[in-house]
Amino acid sequence: MAQGQSQAKSSVKQAASAGDALSRINEKIDQINSMNTQIATVSEQQSAVTEEIKRNINNIGEISNQTAQGAHATSESSKQLMDLADQLRTAVRQFKIPPPSKP
């Protein structure tokens, strides 16, 4: 009977030890769950920032295209203005101004 009581006490100690171990395991699981939540939140934030960067890069590309088109239009206008200036120079050369008369 003493042996049975000893085994019972040992079993109770082992059960208590197992309960403590399970409690520590549950605490660690809660910590892991908390870390997973934090990781998910950060991942969502990074995804949002990545999307914003993508939009900004697309906007920069569009603005660059518009700037290039504007530069091309300015270049064409400059060429037309040069042609008009040449035409005006040619037209003005046809006029002769007589020398001033002496009184």
N, C-alpha and C. Protein backbone atom coordinates (compact mmCIF):
# COMPACT_ATOMS: atom_id res chain seq x y z
N MET A 1 0.80 -1.18 0.00
CA MET A 1 0.00 0.00 0.00
C MET A 1 0.86 1.26 0.00
N ALA A 2 1.96 1.23 0.71
CA ALA A 2 2.88 2.36 0.73
C ALA A 2 3.42 2.61 -0.65
N GLN A 3 3.66 1.51 -1.35
CA GLN A 3 4.18 1.65 -2.71
C GLN A 3 3.13 2.31 -3.60
N GLY A 4 1.89 1.98 -3.42
CA GLY A 4 0.80 2.58 -4.21
C GLY A 4 0.67 4.06 -3.91
N GLN A 5 0.82 4.45 -2.62
CA GLN A 5 0.75 5.86 -2.27
C GLN A 5 1.93 6.62 -2.89
N SER A 6 3.08 6.01 -2.87
CA SER A 6 4.27 6.63 -3.44
C SER A 6 4.10 6.85 -4.94
N GLN A 7 3.54 5.83 -5.60
CA GLN A 7 3.32 5.96 -7.05
C GLN A 7 2.25 7.02 -7.34
N ALA A 8 1.25 7.12 -6.49
CA ALA A 8 0.20 8.11 -6.67
C ALA A 8 0.78 9.52 -6.52
N LYS A 9 1.63 9.70 -5.47
CA LYS A 9 2.26 11.01 -5.27
C LYS A 9 3.15 11.36 -6.46
N SER A 10 3.87 10.38 -6.96
CA SER A 10 4.73 10.59 -8.12
C SER A 10 3.90 10.98 -9.33
N SER A 11 2.77 10.29 -9.50
CA SER A 11 1.89 10.60 -10.62
C SER A 11 1.33 12.01 -10.50
N VAL A 12 0.97 12.42 -9.28
CA VAL A 12 0.44 13.77 -9.06
C VAL A 12 1.51 14.80 -9.40
N LYS A 13 2.76 14.55 -8.97
CA LYS A 13 3.87 15.47 -9.27
C LYS A 13 4.10 15.56 -10.78
N GLN A 14 4.04 14.40 -11.44
CA GLN A 14 4.25 14.38 -12.90
C GLN A 14 3.11 15.13 -13.61
N ALA A 15 1.89 14.94 -13.11
CA ALA A 15 0.75 15.63 -13.71
C ALA A 15 0.88 17.13 -13.52
N ALA A 16 1.31 17.55 -12.33
CA ALA A 16 1.49 18.97 -12.06
C ALA A 16 2.60 19.52 -12.96
N SER A 17 3.67 18.78 -13.11
CA SER A 17 4.77 19.19 -13.96
C SER A 17 4.31 19.29 -15.41
N ALA A 18 3.52 18.32 -15.85
CA ALA A 18 2.99 18.34 -17.22
C ALA A 18 2.06 19.54 -17.39
N GLY A 19 1.26 19.85 -16.38
CA GLY A 19 0.36 21.02 -16.45
C GLY A 19 1.15 22.30 -16.57
N ASP A 20 2.26 22.39 -15.77
CA ASP A 20 3.11 23.58 -15.87
C ASP A 20 3.73 23.70 -17.27
N ALA A 21 4.17 22.56 -17.79
CA ALA A 21 4.77 22.55 -19.13
C ALA A 21 3.74 22.98 -20.17
N LEU A 22 2.51 22.50 -20.05
CA LEU A 22 1.45 22.89 -21.00
C LEU A 22 1.14 24.38 -20.88
N SER A 23 1.17 24.91 -19.65
CA SER A 23 0.94 26.35 -19.47
C SER A 23 2.03 27.15 -20.17
N ARG A 24 3.29 26.73 -20.02
CA ARG A 24 4.39 27.43 -20.69
C ARG A 24 4.26 27.32 -22.21
N ILE A 25 3.83 26.15 -22.68
CA ILE A 25 3.63 25.96 -24.13
C ILE A 25 2.54 26.90 -24.63
N ASN A 26 1.45 27.02 -23.87
CA ASN A 26 0.36 27.92 -24.26
C ASN A 26 0.83 29.38 -24.29
N GLU A 27 1.66 29.77 -23.33
CA GLU A 27 2.21 31.13 -23.32
C GLU A 27 3.05 31.37 -24.57
N LYS A 28 3.87 30.39 -24.92
CA LYS A 28 4.71 30.52 -26.12
C LYS A 28 3.86 30.57 -27.39
N ILE A 29 2.80 29.80 -27.42
CA ILE A 29 1.89 29.83 -28.58
C ILE A 29 1.25 31.21 -28.69
N ASP A 30 0.84 31.80 -27.54
CA ASP A 30 0.27 33.15 -27.56
C ASP A 30 1.29 34.16 -28.08
N GLN A 31 2.55 34.02 -27.65
CA GLN A 31 3.61 34.92 -28.13
C GLN A 31 3.80 34.77 -29.63
N ILE A 32 3.79 33.54 -30.11
CA ILE A 32 3.95 33.30 -31.55
C ILE A 32 2.78 33.89 -32.32
N ASN A 33 1.56 33.73 -31.79
CA ASN A 33 0.39 34.30 -32.46
C ASN A 33 0.50 35.82 -32.52
N SER A 34 0.97 36.42 -31.44
CA SER A 34 1.15 37.87 -31.41
C SER A 34 2.18 38.30 -32.45
N MET A 35 3.28 37.56 -32.53
CA MET A 35 4.31 37.87 -33.53
C MET A 35 3.76 37.72 -34.95
N ASN A 36 2.98 36.69 -35.18
CA ASN A 36 2.38 36.49 -36.50
C ASN A 36 1.47 37.65 -36.87
N THR A 37 0.71 38.15 -35.89
CA THR A 37 -0.16 39.29 -36.14
C THR A 37 0.66 40.52 -36.50
N GLN A 38 1.75 40.73 -35.76
CA GLN A 38 2.62 41.87 -36.06
C GLN A 38 3.23 41.74 -37.46
N ILE A 39 3.66 40.55 -37.80
CA ILE A 39 4.25 40.31 -39.13
C ILE A 39 3.22 40.58 -40.22
N ALA A 40 1.99 40.12 -40.00
CA ALA A 40 0.93 40.34 -40.99
C ALA A 40 0.65 41.84 -41.15
N THR A 41 0.63 42.56 -40.04
CA THR A 41 0.38 44.00 -40.10
C THR A 41 1.50 44.71 -40.87
N VAL A 42 2.73 44.37 -40.56
CA VAL A 42 3.87 44.98 -41.25
C VAL A 42 3.85 44.62 -42.73
N SER A 43 3.49 43.40 -43.04
CA SER A 43 3.43 42.97 -44.45
C SER A 43 2.38 43.79 -45.20
N GLU A 44 1.23 44.03 -44.57
CA GLU A 44 0.19 44.85 -45.20
C GLU A 44 0.69 46.27 -45.42
N GLN A 45 1.39 46.81 -44.42
CA GLN A 45 1.92 48.17 -44.56
C GLN A 45 2.95 48.23 -45.69
N GLN A 46 3.81 47.24 -45.77
CA GLN A 46 4.82 47.22 -46.84
C GLN A 46 4.14 47.09 -48.20
N SER A 47 3.09 46.31 -48.26
CA SER A 47 2.36 46.16 -49.52
C SER A 47 1.75 47.49 -49.94
N ALA A 48 1.18 48.21 -48.97
CA ALA A 48 0.58 49.51 -49.28
C ALA A 48 1.65 50.49 -49.76
N VAL A 49 2.81 50.48 -49.12
CA VAL A 49 3.90 51.38 -49.52
C VAL A 49 4.39 51.00 -50.92
N THR A 50 4.49 49.70 -51.19
CA THR A 50 4.91 49.24 -52.51
C THR A 50 3.94 49.72 -53.58
N GLU A 51 2.65 49.64 -53.29
CA GLU A 51 1.64 50.11 -54.25
C GLU A 51 1.78 51.62 -54.48
N GLU A 52 2.02 52.36 -53.41
CA GLU A 52 2.19 53.80 -53.55
C GLU A 52 3.42 54.13 -54.38
N ILE A 53 4.51 53.42 -54.15
CA ILE A 53 5.72 53.62 -54.94
C ILE A 53 5.45 53.30 -56.41
N LYS A 54 4.71 52.24 -56.65
CA LYS A 54 4.36 51.86 -58.03
C LYS A 54 3.56 52.96 -58.70
N ARG A 55 2.56 53.51 -57.97
CA ARG A 55 1.76 54.61 -58.54
C ARG A 55 2.64 55.83 -58.83
N ASN A 56 3.54 56.13 -57.90
CA ASN A 56 4.42 57.29 -58.10
C ASN A 56 5.34 57.10 -59.30
N ILE A 57 5.85 55.90 -59.46
CA ILE A 57 6.71 55.62 -60.62
C ILE A 57 5.92 55.75 -61.91
N ASN A 58 4.68 55.26 -61.92
CA ASN A 58 3.83 55.41 -63.11
C ASN A 58 3.56 56.88 -63.40
N ASN A 59 3.30 57.66 -62.34
CA ASN A 59 3.07 59.09 -62.52
C ASN A 59 4.31 59.78 -63.08
N ILE A 60 5.47 59.40 -62.58
CA ILE A 60 6.72 59.98 -63.08
C ILE A 60 6.89 59.63 -64.55
N GLY A 61 6.57 58.40 -64.93
CA GLY A 61 6.66 57.99 -66.33
C GLY A 61 5.73 58.81 -67.21
N GLU A 62 4.49 59.03 -66.74
CA GLU A 62 3.54 59.82 -67.52
C GLU A 62 4.02 61.26 -67.66
N ILE A 63 4.51 61.82 -66.56
CA ILE A 63 5.00 63.21 -66.61
C ILE A 63 6.21 63.31 -67.52
N SER A 64 7.07 62.31 -67.49
CA SER A 64 8.24 62.31 -68.37
C SER A 64 7.81 62.28 -69.83
N ASN A 65 6.81 61.46 -70.14
CA ASN A 65 6.30 61.41 -71.52
C ASN A 65 5.72 62.76 -71.93
N GLN A 66 4.95 63.37 -71.03
CA GLN A 66 4.37 64.68 -71.34
C GLN A 66 5.47 65.73 -71.54
N THR A 67 6.50 65.66 -70.71
CA THR A 67 7.61 66.60 -70.84
C THR A 67 8.33 66.40 -72.17
N ALA A 68 8.52 65.14 -72.55
CA ALA A 68 9.18 64.85 -73.83
C ALA A 68 8.33 65.37 -74.99
N GLN A 69 7.03 65.18 -74.91
CA GLN A 69 6.15 65.68 -75.97
C GLN A 69 6.20 67.21 -76.03
N GLY A 70 6.21 67.84 -74.85
CA GLY A 70 6.31 69.30 -74.80
C GLY A 70 7.62 69.79 -75.38
N ALA A 71 8.71 69.09 -75.06
CA ALA A 71 10.02 69.47 -75.60
C ALA A 71 10.04 69.32 -77.12
N HIS A 72 9.43 68.26 -77.62
CA HIS A 72 9.37 68.06 -79.07
C HIS A 72 8.56 69.18 -79.73
N ALA A 73 7.43 69.53 -79.12
CA ALA A 73 6.60 70.60 -79.67
C ALA A 73 7.35 71.93 -79.66
N THR A 74 8.08 72.18 -78.59
CA THR A 74 8.88 73.41 -78.50
C THR A 74 9.95 73.43 -79.57
N SER A 75 10.58 72.30 -79.80
CA SER A 75 11.61 72.20 -80.83
C SER A 75 11.01 72.47 -82.21
N GLU A 76 9.86 71.89 -82.47
CA GLU A 76 9.20 72.13 -83.77
C GLU A 76 8.82 73.60 -83.93
N SER A 77 8.31 74.20 -82.86
CA SER A 77 7.94 75.62 -82.90
C SER A 77 9.18 76.47 -83.14
N SER A 78 10.28 76.11 -82.52
CA SER A 78 11.53 76.85 -82.72
C SER A 78 11.98 76.77 -84.17
N LYS A 79 11.88 75.58 -84.76
CA LYS A 79 12.26 75.42 -86.17
C LYS A 79 11.37 76.29 -87.06
N GLN A 80 10.06 76.30 -86.79
CA GLN A 80 9.14 77.12 -87.59
C GLN A 80 9.46 78.60 -87.42
N LEU A 81 9.80 78.99 -86.20
CA LEU A 81 10.15 80.39 -85.94
C LEU A 81 11.42 80.78 -86.69
N MET A 82 12.40 79.87 -86.73
CA MET A 82 13.62 80.14 -87.49
C MET A 82 13.31 80.30 -88.97
N ASP A 83 12.42 79.43 -89.50
CA ASP A 83 12.05 79.54 -90.90
C ASP A 83 11.36 80.88 -91.18
N LEU A 84 10.48 81.28 -90.27
CA LEU A 84 9.79 82.57 -90.45
C LEU A 84 10.79 83.73 -90.38
N ALA A 85 11.76 83.64 -89.49
CA ALA A 85 12.78 84.69 -89.38
C ALA A 85 13.59 84.77 -90.67
N ASP A 86 13.93 83.62 -91.25
CA ASP A 86 14.66 83.62 -92.52
C ASP A 86 13.82 84.25 -93.62
N GLN A 87 12.54 83.92 -93.66
CA GLN A 87 11.65 84.50 -94.66
C GLN A 87 11.55 86.01 -94.49
N LEU A 88 11.45 86.45 -93.25
CA LEU A 88 11.36 87.88 -92.98
C LEU A 88 12.65 88.59 -93.37
N ARG A 89 13.80 87.98 -93.07
CA ARG A 89 15.08 88.56 -93.46
C ARG A 89 15.17 88.71 -94.98
N THR A 90 14.73 87.67 -95.69
CA THR A 90 14.75 87.71 -97.16
C THR A 90 13.84 88.83 -97.66
N ALA A 91 12.66 88.96 -97.06
CA ALA A 91 11.72 90.00 -97.50
C ALA A 91 12.27 91.39 -97.22
N VAL A 92 12.91 91.58 -96.09
CA VAL A 92 13.44 92.90 -95.73
C VAL A 92 14.60 93.28 -96.63
N ARG A 93 15.39 92.34 -97.10
CA ARG A 93 16.53 92.64 -97.98
C ARG A 93 16.07 93.23 -99.32
N GLN A 94 14.84 92.98 -99.68
CA GLN A 94 14.35 93.50 -100.95
C GLN A 94 14.13 95.01 -100.90
N PHE A 95 13.95 95.53 -99.71
CA PHE A 95 13.75 96.98 -99.59
C PHE A 95 15.11 97.68 -99.52
N LYS A 96 15.20 98.78 -100.27
CA LYS A 96 16.44 99.58 -100.27
C LYS A 96 16.11 100.93 -99.65
N ILE A 97 16.92 101.33 -98.76
CA ILE A 97 16.74 102.65 -98.15
C ILE A 97 17.71 103.59 -98.85
N PRO A 98 17.16 104.64 -99.44
CA PRO A 98 18.06 105.57 -100.14
C PRO A 98 18.93 106.31 -99.12
N PRO A 99 20.11 106.68 -99.57
CA PRO A 99 20.98 107.43 -98.65
C PRO A 99 20.33 108.78 -98.33
N PRO A 100 20.62 109.29 -97.19
CA PRO A 100 20.00 110.58 -96.83
C PRO A 100 20.50 111.70 -97.77
N SER A 101 19.59 112.56 -98.09
CA SER A 101 19.96 113.66 -98.99
C SER A 101 20.65 114.77 -98.18
N LYS A 102 21.58 115.47 -98.89
CA LYS A 102 22.32 116.53 -98.23
C LYS A 102 21.60 117.84 -98.46
N PRO A 103 21.37 118.63 -97.48
CA PRO A 103 20.69 119.93 -97.71
C PRO A 103 21.55 120.98 -98.30
